[in-house]
Protein backbone atom coordinates (compact mmCIF):
# COMPACT_ATOMS: atom_id res chain seq x y z
CA ALA A 1 50.57 -115.11 -158.52
CA VAL A 2 48.69 -115.94 -155.36
CA ASP A 3 49.94 -117.87 -152.35
CA TRP A 4 46.75 -119.89 -151.84
CA GLY A 5 47.99 -121.38 -148.59
CA ALA A 6 48.67 -117.90 -147.14
CA LEU A 7 45.28 -116.67 -148.33
CA GLY A 8 43.57 -119.68 -146.72
CA LEU A 9 45.56 -119.09 -143.52
CA ALA A 10 44.49 -115.43 -143.43
CA ASP A 11 40.84 -116.35 -144.07
CA GLY A 12 40.97 -119.02 -141.37
CA LYS A 13 42.61 -116.71 -138.82
CA ALA A 14 39.85 -114.19 -139.53
CA GLY A 15 37.12 -116.81 -139.06
CA ALA A 16 35.82 -116.11 -142.54
CA ARG A 17 32.54 -117.73 -143.45
CA PRO A 18 32.82 -121.18 -145.04
CA LYS A 19 31.16 -120.08 -148.32
CA LEU A 20 34.11 -117.76 -149.01
CA VAL A 21 36.13 -120.62 -150.53
CA GLU A 22 33.35 -121.24 -153.06
CA GLU A 23 33.19 -117.54 -153.90
CA ARG A 24 36.96 -117.37 -154.34
CA ALA A 25 36.92 -120.45 -156.60
CA SER A 26 34.06 -118.98 -158.67
CA ASP A 27 35.83 -115.61 -159.01
CA CYS A 28 39.06 -117.29 -160.07
CA LYS A 29 37.26 -119.45 -162.64
CA ALA A 30 35.49 -116.36 -164.04
CA HIS A 31 38.86 -114.66 -164.55
CA GLY A 32 40.68 -117.73 -165.86
CA VAL A 33 42.87 -118.07 -162.78
CA ALA A 34 43.72 -121.49 -161.38
CA PHE A 35 42.58 -121.87 -157.78
CA ASP A 36 44.58 -124.33 -155.67
CA VAL A 37 41.80 -125.54 -153.40
CA ALA A 38 44.02 -128.01 -151.56
CA ALA A 39 46.63 -125.37 -150.63
CA TYR A 40 43.89 -122.95 -149.65
CA GLN A 41 42.13 -125.53 -147.46
CA ARG A 42 45.41 -126.52 -145.74
CA GLY A 43 46.04 -122.86 -144.91
CA ARG A 44 42.45 -122.31 -143.83
CA THR A 45 42.56 -125.36 -141.52
CA GLU A 46 45.70 -123.98 -139.89
CA GLY A 47 44.12 -120.53 -139.58
CA ILE A 48 40.88 -121.92 -138.11
CA ALA A 49 42.93 -123.75 -135.45
CA LEU A 50 44.42 -120.39 -134.41
CA TYR A 51 41.09 -118.57 -134.64
CA CYS A 52 39.15 -121.19 -132.66
CA SER A 53 40.99 -120.58 -129.43
CA PRO A 54 40.03 -118.49 -126.41
CA GLU A 55 42.52 -115.85 -127.59
CA GLY A 56 41.05 -115.89 -131.10
CA GLY A 57 37.53 -115.62 -129.72
CA PHE A 58 38.44 -112.67 -127.54
CA ALA A 59 40.20 -110.92 -130.44
CA ALA A 60 37.25 -111.49 -132.78
CA GLY A 61 34.79 -110.18 -130.20
CA ARG A 62 36.97 -107.19 -129.34
CA MET A 63 37.03 -106.20 -133.02
CA GLY A 64 33.25 -106.55 -133.31
CA SER A 65 33.55 -109.37 -135.83
CA ASP A 66 30.65 -111.69 -136.54
CA TYR A 67 31.08 -115.36 -135.72
CA HIS A 68 30.18 -117.66 -138.61
CA GLY A 69 30.08 -120.97 -136.74
CA VAL A 70 33.42 -122.16 -138.13
CA CYS A 71 34.87 -123.66 -134.95
CA PRO A 72 34.78 -127.42 -134.41
CA PRO A 73 32.44 -128.50 -131.59
CA ASP A 74 35.28 -129.46 -129.25
CA ARG A 75 36.72 -125.92 -129.41
CA GLU A 76 33.59 -123.84 -129.87
CA ALA A 77 32.58 -123.47 -126.20
CA ALA A 78 35.97 -122.04 -125.14
CA PHE A 79 36.01 -119.80 -128.22
CA LEU A 80 32.50 -118.50 -127.58
CA ALA A 81 33.14 -117.82 -123.88
CA ASP A 82 36.01 -115.47 -124.68
CA TYR A 83 34.23 -114.17 -127.79
CA ALA A 84 31.48 -112.93 -125.45
CA LEU A 85 34.09 -111.21 -123.25
CA GLY A 86 35.65 -109.52 -126.27
CA THR A 87 32.25 -108.52 -127.62
CA LYS A 88 31.39 -106.83 -124.33
CA LEU A 89 34.71 -104.96 -124.48
CA PHE A 90 33.90 -103.90 -128.06
CA THR A 91 30.44 -102.72 -127.01
CA LEU A 92 31.77 -100.69 -124.07
CA THR A 93 34.57 -99.19 -126.17
CA SER A 94 32.08 -98.29 -128.92
CA ALA A 95 29.77 -96.68 -126.35
CA ARG A 96 32.65 -94.55 -125.05
CA ASP A 97 33.71 -93.56 -128.55
CA LYS A 98 30.12 -92.67 -129.47
CA ALA A 99 29.70 -90.58 -126.31
CA ILE A 100 32.87 -88.66 -127.15
CA ALA A 101 31.79 -88.19 -130.79
CA ASP A 102 28.32 -87.00 -129.71
CA TYR A 103 29.86 -84.43 -127.36
CA GLU A 104 32.30 -83.21 -130.01
CA ALA A 105 29.47 -82.92 -132.56
CA ALA A 106 27.39 -80.91 -130.08
CA VAL A 107 30.30 -78.55 -129.35
CA SER A 108 30.87 -78.09 -133.07
CA ALA A 109 27.17 -77.42 -133.68
CA LEU A 110 27.12 -74.98 -130.77
CA ASP A 111 30.08 -73.08 -132.23
CA GLN A 112 28.42 -72.99 -135.64
CA HIS A 113 25.10 -71.73 -134.27
CA ARG A 114 26.85 -69.02 -132.25
CA TYR A 115 28.78 -67.88 -135.30
CA LEU A 116 25.72 -67.89 -137.56
CA LYS A 117 23.65 -66.09 -134.95
CA GLY A 118 26.32 -63.37 -134.90
CA VAL A 119 26.21 -63.14 -138.68
CA ALA A 120 22.40 -62.83 -138.59
CA GLU A 121 22.62 -60.12 -135.89
CA LYS A 122 25.02 -58.07 -138.03
CA ARG A 123 22.75 -58.36 -141.06
CA TYR A 124 19.71 -57.49 -138.97
CA LEU A 125 21.33 -54.25 -137.82
CA LYS A 126 22.24 -53.06 -141.34
CA PRO A 127 20.20 -49.98 -142.20
CA SER A 128 20.03 -50.94 -145.89
CA ILE A 129 18.28 -54.26 -145.32
CA SER A 130 14.67 -54.73 -146.48
CA ASN A 131 11.91 -55.40 -143.97
CA GLU A 132 11.45 -58.90 -145.37
CA ASP A 133 15.18 -59.67 -145.06
CA ARG A 134 15.22 -58.14 -141.57
CA GLU A 135 12.37 -60.46 -140.55
CA ASN A 136 14.24 -63.44 -142.02
CA GLU A 137 17.34 -62.51 -140.01
CA ARG A 138 15.21 -62.10 -136.86
CA GLN A 139 13.76 -65.58 -137.38
CA ASP A 140 17.22 -67.00 -138.00
CA MET A 141 18.53 -65.37 -134.79
CA ALA A 142 15.60 -66.82 -132.85
CA TYR A 143 16.21 -70.28 -134.29
CA ARG A 144 19.94 -70.09 -133.54
CA GLY A 145 19.16 -68.89 -130.02
CA ARG A 146 16.88 -71.89 -129.41
CA GLU A 147 19.51 -74.27 -130.75
CA ILE A 148 22.22 -72.68 -128.59
CA ALA A 149 20.00 -73.02 -125.52
CA ARG A 150 19.22 -76.66 -126.35
CA LEU A 151 22.86 -77.54 -126.93
CA ASP A 152 23.97 -75.68 -123.78
CA LYS A 153 21.42 -77.75 -121.88
CA ASP A 154 22.59 -81.01 -123.51
CA LEU A 155 26.34 -80.55 -122.96
CA PRO A 156 26.36 -81.58 -119.27
CA LYS A 157 24.37 -84.72 -120.12
CA LEU A 158 26.79 -85.52 -122.92
CA LEU A 159 29.76 -85.05 -120.58
CA ASP A 160 28.07 -87.33 -118.05
CA ALA A 161 27.62 -89.94 -120.77
CA ILE A 162 31.35 -89.77 -121.53
CA GLU A 163 32.28 -90.18 -117.87
CA THR A 164 29.79 -93.00 -117.37
CA SER A 165 30.98 -94.87 -120.44
CA LYS A 166 34.64 -94.37 -119.50
CA ALA A 167 33.96 -95.66 -115.98
CA ALA A 168 32.09 -98.72 -117.29
CA LEU A 169 34.92 -99.48 -119.71
CA ALA A 170 37.60 -99.04 -117.04
CA ALA A 171 35.69 -101.29 -114.61
CA TYR A 172 35.32 -103.99 -117.25
CA GLU A 173 38.99 -103.75 -118.25
CA ALA A 174 39.91 -104.15 -114.57
CA GLU A 175 37.58 -107.17 -114.36
CA LEU A 176 39.25 -108.70 -117.40
CA ALA A 177 42.73 -108.05 -116.02
CA ALA A 178 41.78 -109.63 -112.68
CA ALA A 179 40.57 -112.69 -114.59
CA GLY A 180 43.88 -112.79 -116.50
CA LYS A 181 42.24 -111.84 -119.80
CA SER A 182 44.67 -109.36 -121.30
CA TYR A 183 44.96 -110.64 -124.85
């Protein structure tokens, strides 16, 4: 049992692409389920009215959603203006999150290389190790040492990227708040 009106409302509020109704109808037909197009379209029309507002545009942009051109011409300009604001917020938030993830990945890699270099050093010092294995451990230590040096050099840049992205995000959030855009 499907509430077609509620499904249409949800699709409309999400700004779902227009072809979705055809796909839903086709899927229902393929599975022998009756699709109430009229109830779905009534719900979708109501949802589109909510979506195609400045608030809906900002929310869609902030979530990084694609716009599928579903807004009527008389509402599209206001929707798109706030969609652009939300998209910029999404982009700045994503940049901050990526900067943090990059730093955390580098710290994790640095820890792993330090640990594995220590393991290689212990193996290298074993008296029972063959010359070939000793050379392999020496090469591994050298590789780990280069990686540690590279990561140590990169960490300050990665921290700067976090601070820069946080500052850009905070400045934009302040700009939005000053403009009364706090959806």
